[in-house]
Amino acid sequence: MNTQCERVIPIIIEECRETIGVFISDQVKTWDGQYMAERIELNIGSDLQYIRVSGTLVDGLVGLMIYVVVGYLGEKVWGERKNICTQLTYGCLVFRLQSLTRILV
């Protein structure tokens, strides 16, 4: 039975391809923004949370690397740390850590 289904279903899908496409398109057109957001959250909500957390962690690490590099170059090239770069990098790092705290809480 499985073998027959595997043989027949692709043929049926190919014959009804346009009708299936129109049906799906019509269904999606009836969704409003709120309904679509709920459907997306329901189906991929846990993945979105993972993306938010991993993005925050990666951004925090990149910010920390920039802070270290700017501090190192500042001392080697200019003989001192450039305050504006240091403050900017530190501010970005603090912002991302606050974002992570809000997501986890």
N, C-alpha and C. Protein backbone atom coordinates (compact mmCIF):
# COMPACT_ATOMS: atom_id res chain seq x y z
N MET A 1 0.82 -1.19 0.00
CA MET A 1 0.00 0.00 0.00
C MET A 1 0.87 1.26 0.00
N ASN A 2 1.93 1.27 0.83
CA ASN A 2 2.83 2.42 0.87
C ASN A 2 3.48 2.67 -0.49
N THR A 3 3.88 1.59 -1.13
CA THR A 3 4.52 1.70 -2.44
C THR A 3 3.56 2.31 -3.46
N GLN A 4 2.31 1.88 -3.42
CA GLN A 4 1.31 2.43 -4.35
C GLN A 4 1.08 3.92 -4.07
N CYS A 5 0.99 4.27 -2.78
CA CYS A 5 0.80 5.68 -2.42
C CYS A 5 1.99 6.52 -2.90
N GLU A 6 3.20 6.01 -2.69
CA GLU A 6 4.40 6.73 -3.14
C GLU A 6 4.42 6.92 -4.65
N ARG A 7 3.82 6.02 -5.37
CA ARG A 7 3.78 6.10 -6.81
C ARG A 7 2.67 7.04 -7.30
N VAL A 8 1.51 7.02 -6.66
CA VAL A 8 0.34 7.74 -7.14
C VAL A 8 0.30 9.19 -6.65
N ILE A 9 0.69 9.43 -5.40
CA ILE A 9 0.55 10.78 -4.83
C ILE A 9 1.32 11.84 -5.61
N PRO A 10 2.56 11.61 -6.02
CA PRO A 10 3.23 12.65 -6.82
C PRO A 10 2.49 12.98 -8.13
N ILE A 11 1.88 12.00 -8.72
CA ILE A 11 1.12 12.24 -9.96
C ILE A 11 -0.09 13.11 -9.66
N ILE A 12 -0.81 12.81 -8.58
CA ILE A 12 -1.99 13.60 -8.21
C ILE A 12 -1.57 15.03 -7.86
N ILE A 13 -0.50 15.18 -7.11
CA ILE A 13 -0.03 16.52 -6.73
C ILE A 13 0.35 17.32 -7.98
N GLU A 14 1.02 16.68 -8.90
CA GLU A 14 1.42 17.38 -10.14
C GLU A 14 0.20 17.82 -10.94
N GLU A 15 -0.81 16.98 -11.01
CA GLU A 15 -2.03 17.32 -11.75
C GLU A 15 -2.80 18.45 -11.07
N CYS A 16 -2.79 18.47 -9.76
CA CYS A 16 -3.57 19.47 -8.99
C CYS A 16 -2.70 20.61 -8.47
N ARG A 17 -1.50 20.75 -8.96
CA ARG A 17 -0.55 21.73 -8.46
C ARG A 17 -1.12 23.15 -8.43
N GLU A 18 -1.71 23.58 -9.52
CA GLU A 18 -2.24 24.94 -9.60
C GLU A 18 -3.40 25.14 -8.63
N THR A 19 -4.29 24.17 -8.56
CA THR A 19 -5.43 24.26 -7.65
C THR A 19 -4.97 24.31 -6.20
N ILE A 20 -3.98 23.51 -5.84
CA ILE A 20 -3.44 23.50 -4.48
C ILE A 20 -2.81 24.86 -4.17
N GLY A 21 -2.06 25.41 -5.11
CA GLY A 21 -1.43 26.71 -4.93
C GLY A 21 -2.45 27.82 -4.71
N VAL A 22 -3.51 27.82 -5.51
CA VAL A 22 -4.57 28.82 -5.37
C VAL A 22 -5.27 28.67 -4.02
N PHE A 23 -5.54 27.44 -3.61
CA PHE A 23 -6.21 27.19 -2.32
C PHE A 23 -5.37 27.73 -1.16
N ILE A 24 -4.09 27.41 -1.16
CA ILE A 24 -3.21 27.88 -0.09
C ILE A 24 -3.11 29.40 -0.10
N SER A 25 -2.96 29.97 -1.27
CA SER A 25 -2.87 31.43 -1.39
C SER A 25 -4.13 32.11 -0.88
N ASP A 26 -5.30 31.58 -1.23
CA ASP A 26 -6.56 32.15 -0.75
C ASP A 26 -6.69 32.05 0.76
N GLN A 27 -6.25 30.94 1.33
CA GLN A 27 -6.31 30.78 2.78
C GLN A 27 -5.42 31.80 3.49
N VAL A 28 -4.21 31.98 3.00
CA VAL A 28 -3.28 32.92 3.62
C VAL A 28 -3.77 34.35 3.48
N LYS A 29 -4.41 34.68 2.38
CA LYS A 29 -4.94 36.03 2.17
C LYS A 29 -6.02 36.39 3.18
N THR A 30 -6.74 35.39 3.71
CA THR A 30 -7.80 35.67 4.66
C THR A 30 -7.26 35.94 6.07
N TRP A 31 -6.00 35.62 6.33
CA TRP A 31 -5.42 35.82 7.66
C TRP A 31 -5.10 37.29 7.88
N ASP A 32 -5.44 37.80 9.05
CA ASP A 32 -5.00 39.15 9.41
C ASP A 32 -3.65 39.04 10.13
N GLY A 33 -3.07 40.18 10.43
CA GLY A 33 -1.73 40.19 11.03
C GLY A 33 -1.66 39.47 12.37
N GLN A 34 -2.67 39.67 13.20
CA GLN A 34 -2.69 39.04 14.52
C GLN A 34 -2.76 37.52 14.40
N TYR A 35 -3.63 37.03 13.52
CA TYR A 35 -3.77 35.59 13.34
C TYR A 35 -2.47 34.98 12.80
N MET A 36 -1.86 35.67 11.84
CA MET A 36 -0.62 35.16 11.26
C MET A 36 0.49 35.12 12.31
N ALA A 37 0.58 36.16 13.14
CA ALA A 37 1.59 36.18 14.20
C ALA A 37 1.38 35.04 15.18
N GLU A 38 0.11 34.77 15.52
CA GLU A 38 -0.20 33.67 16.43
C GLU A 38 0.19 32.33 15.82
N ARG A 39 -0.08 32.15 14.54
CA ARG A 39 0.27 30.89 13.87
C ARG A 39 1.79 30.69 13.83
N ILE A 40 2.50 31.76 13.54
CA ILE A 40 3.97 31.67 13.48
C ILE A 40 4.51 31.35 14.87
N GLU A 41 4.04 32.06 15.90
CA GLU A 41 4.49 31.80 17.27
C GLU A 41 4.18 30.37 17.69
N LEU A 42 3.00 29.88 17.33
CA LEU A 42 2.59 28.53 17.70
C LEU A 42 3.50 27.48 17.07
N ASN A 43 3.84 27.69 15.80
CA ASN A 43 4.61 26.68 15.07
C ASN A 43 6.11 26.78 15.24
N ILE A 44 6.64 27.98 15.39
CA ILE A 44 8.09 28.11 15.50
C ILE A 44 8.50 28.99 16.68
N GLY A 45 7.64 29.11 17.67
CA GLY A 45 7.91 29.96 18.83
C GLY A 45 9.17 29.58 19.58
N SER A 46 9.38 28.30 19.81
CA SER A 46 10.58 27.88 20.55
C SER A 46 11.84 28.18 19.75
N ASP A 47 11.77 28.05 18.44
CA ASP A 47 12.92 28.39 17.60
C ASP A 47 13.21 29.88 17.65
N LEU A 48 12.16 30.71 17.67
CA LEU A 48 12.37 32.15 17.77
C LEU A 48 13.04 32.51 19.08
N GLN A 49 12.65 31.86 20.16
CA GLN A 49 13.28 32.11 21.46
C GLN A 49 14.75 31.72 21.41
N TYR A 50 15.05 30.60 20.79
CA TYR A 50 16.44 30.16 20.64
C TYR A 50 17.24 31.18 19.83
N ILE A 51 16.65 31.69 18.75
CA ILE A 51 17.31 32.68 17.92
C ILE A 51 17.59 33.95 18.72
N ARG A 52 16.62 34.39 19.52
CA ARG A 52 16.81 35.59 20.33
C ARG A 52 17.95 35.41 21.33
N VAL A 53 17.94 34.28 22.04
CA VAL A 53 18.97 34.05 23.05
C VAL A 53 20.35 33.90 22.40
N SER A 54 20.44 33.10 21.34
CA SER A 54 21.74 32.92 20.70
C SER A 54 22.23 34.21 20.07
N GLY A 55 21.32 35.01 19.51
CA GLY A 55 21.73 36.31 18.96
C GLY A 55 22.25 37.23 20.03
N THR A 56 21.62 37.22 21.18
CA THR A 56 22.08 38.05 22.29
C THR A 56 23.46 37.61 22.76
N LEU A 57 23.65 36.31 22.88
CA LEU A 57 24.96 35.80 23.32
C LEU A 57 26.05 36.13 22.31
N VAL A 58 25.76 35.93 21.03
CA VAL A 58 26.75 36.23 20.00
C VAL A 58 27.06 37.72 19.98
N ASP A 59 26.04 38.56 20.06
CA ASP A 59 26.26 40.01 20.08
C ASP A 59 27.08 40.42 21.29
N GLY A 60 26.80 39.81 22.43
CA GLY A 60 27.58 40.11 23.63
C GLY A 60 29.03 39.74 23.48
N LEU A 61 29.29 38.57 22.90
CA LEU A 61 30.68 38.14 22.69
C LEU A 61 31.39 39.04 21.67
N VAL A 62 30.70 39.42 20.62
CA VAL A 62 31.29 40.32 19.63
C VAL A 62 31.59 41.67 20.28
N GLY A 63 30.67 42.17 21.08
CA GLY A 63 30.90 43.43 21.79
C GLY A 63 32.10 43.35 22.71
N LEU A 64 32.23 42.23 23.41
CA LEU A 64 33.37 42.04 24.30
C LEU A 64 34.67 41.98 23.50
N MET A 65 34.66 41.30 22.35
CA MET A 65 35.85 41.24 21.50
C MET A 65 36.22 42.63 20.99
N ILE A 66 35.24 43.40 20.58
CA ILE A 66 35.51 44.77 20.12
C ILE A 66 36.11 45.59 21.25
N TYR A 67 35.56 45.45 22.43
CA TYR A 67 36.07 46.17 23.59
C TYR A 67 37.53 45.84 23.84
N VAL A 68 37.88 44.56 23.79
CA VAL A 68 39.25 44.13 24.04
C VAL A 68 40.17 44.63 22.93
N VAL A 69 39.75 44.48 21.67
CA VAL A 69 40.59 44.91 20.55
C VAL A 69 40.80 46.42 20.57
N VAL A 70 39.73 47.18 20.80
CA VAL A 70 39.86 48.64 20.84
C VAL A 70 40.77 49.05 22.00
N GLY A 71 40.60 48.40 23.14
CA GLY A 71 41.47 48.70 24.28
C GLY A 71 42.91 48.38 23.98
N TYR A 72 43.17 47.25 23.36
CA TYR A 72 44.54 46.85 23.03
C TYR A 72 45.14 47.79 22.00
N LEU A 73 44.39 48.05 20.91
CA LEU A 73 44.90 48.95 19.87
C LEU A 73 45.05 50.37 20.40
N GLY A 74 44.13 50.77 21.26
CA GLY A 74 44.22 52.11 21.83
C GLY A 74 45.51 52.30 22.59
N GLU A 75 45.90 51.31 23.35
CA GLU A 75 47.13 51.42 24.11
C GLU A 75 48.35 51.33 23.20
N LYS A 76 48.32 50.48 22.19
CA LYS A 76 49.47 50.30 21.29
C LYS A 76 49.62 51.45 20.29
N VAL A 77 48.50 51.89 19.70
CA VAL A 77 48.57 52.89 18.64
C VAL A 77 48.58 54.31 19.20
N TRP A 78 47.63 54.60 20.11
CA TRP A 78 47.50 55.96 20.59
C TRP A 78 48.15 56.18 21.94
N GLY A 79 48.63 55.13 22.57
CA GLY A 79 49.25 55.26 23.88
C GLY A 79 48.24 55.32 25.02
N GLU A 80 46.97 55.35 24.70
CA GLU A 80 45.91 55.35 25.71
C GLU A 80 44.64 54.79 25.09
N ARG A 81 43.72 54.49 25.90
CA ARG A 81 42.44 54.00 25.38
C ARG A 81 41.60 55.19 24.94
N LYS A 82 41.00 55.06 23.80
CA LYS A 82 40.12 56.12 23.33
C LYS A 82 38.79 55.99 24.04
N ASN A 83 38.45 56.99 24.82
CA ASN A 83 37.26 56.90 25.68
C ASN A 83 35.98 56.68 24.90
N ILE A 84 35.82 57.34 23.76
CA ILE A 84 34.56 57.21 23.04
C ILE A 84 34.34 55.79 22.54
N CYS A 85 35.39 55.16 22.02
CA CYS A 85 35.25 53.78 21.54
C CYS A 85 34.98 52.83 22.70
N THR A 86 35.68 53.03 23.78
CA THR A 86 35.51 52.17 24.94
C THR A 86 34.10 52.32 25.51
N GLN A 87 33.63 53.54 25.64
CA GLN A 87 32.30 53.77 26.18
C GLN A 87 31.22 53.22 25.26
N LEU A 88 31.40 53.41 23.95
CA LEU A 88 30.43 52.89 22.99
C LEU A 88 30.35 51.37 23.06
N THR A 89 31.50 50.72 23.06
CA THR A 89 31.52 49.26 23.12
C THR A 89 30.94 48.76 24.43
N TYR A 90 31.30 49.40 25.52
CA TYR A 90 30.77 49.01 26.82
C TYR A 90 29.25 49.20 26.87
N GLY A 91 28.76 50.29 26.30
CA GLY A 91 27.33 50.56 26.26
C GLY A 91 26.58 49.49 25.47
N CYS A 92 27.14 49.08 24.32
CA CYS A 92 26.52 48.02 23.51
C CYS A 92 26.49 46.70 24.28
N LEU A 93 27.58 46.39 24.97
CA LEU A 93 27.65 45.16 25.74
C LEU A 93 26.62 45.16 26.86
N VAL A 94 26.49 46.26 27.58
CA VAL A 94 25.52 46.35 28.66
C VAL A 94 24.10 46.22 28.11
N PHE A 95 23.82 46.87 26.97
CA PHE A 95 22.49 46.79 26.36
C PHE A 95 22.14 45.35 26.01
N ARG A 96 23.07 44.61 25.42
CA ARG A 96 22.79 43.23 25.03
C ARG A 96 22.60 42.34 26.25
N LEU A 97 23.38 42.58 27.31
CA LEU A 97 23.20 41.79 28.53
C LEU A 97 21.85 42.08 29.17
N GLN A 98 21.41 43.33 29.11
CA GLN A 98 20.08 43.66 29.63
C GLN A 98 19.00 42.98 28.79
N SER A 99 19.21 42.93 27.49
CA SER A 99 18.24 42.25 26.60
C SER A 99 18.15 40.78 26.95
N LEU A 100 19.30 40.15 27.18
CA LEU A 100 19.33 38.74 27.55
C LEU A 100 18.60 38.52 28.86
N THR A 101 18.80 39.41 29.81
CA THR A 101 18.11 39.29 31.10
C THR A 101 16.60 39.36 30.92
N ARG A 102 16.13 40.29 30.07
CA ARG A 102 14.70 40.41 29.83
C ARG A 102 14.13 39.18 29.16
N ILE A 103 14.89 38.57 28.25
CA ILE A 103 14.41 37.38 27.53
C ILE A 103 14.31 36.20 28.49
N LEU A 104 15.30 36.04 29.35
CA LEU A 104 15.34 34.88 30.23
C LEU A 104 14.36 34.98 31.38
N VAL A 105 13.98 36.21 31.74
CA VAL A 105 13.08 36.38 32.89
C VAL A 105 11.65 36.31 32.49
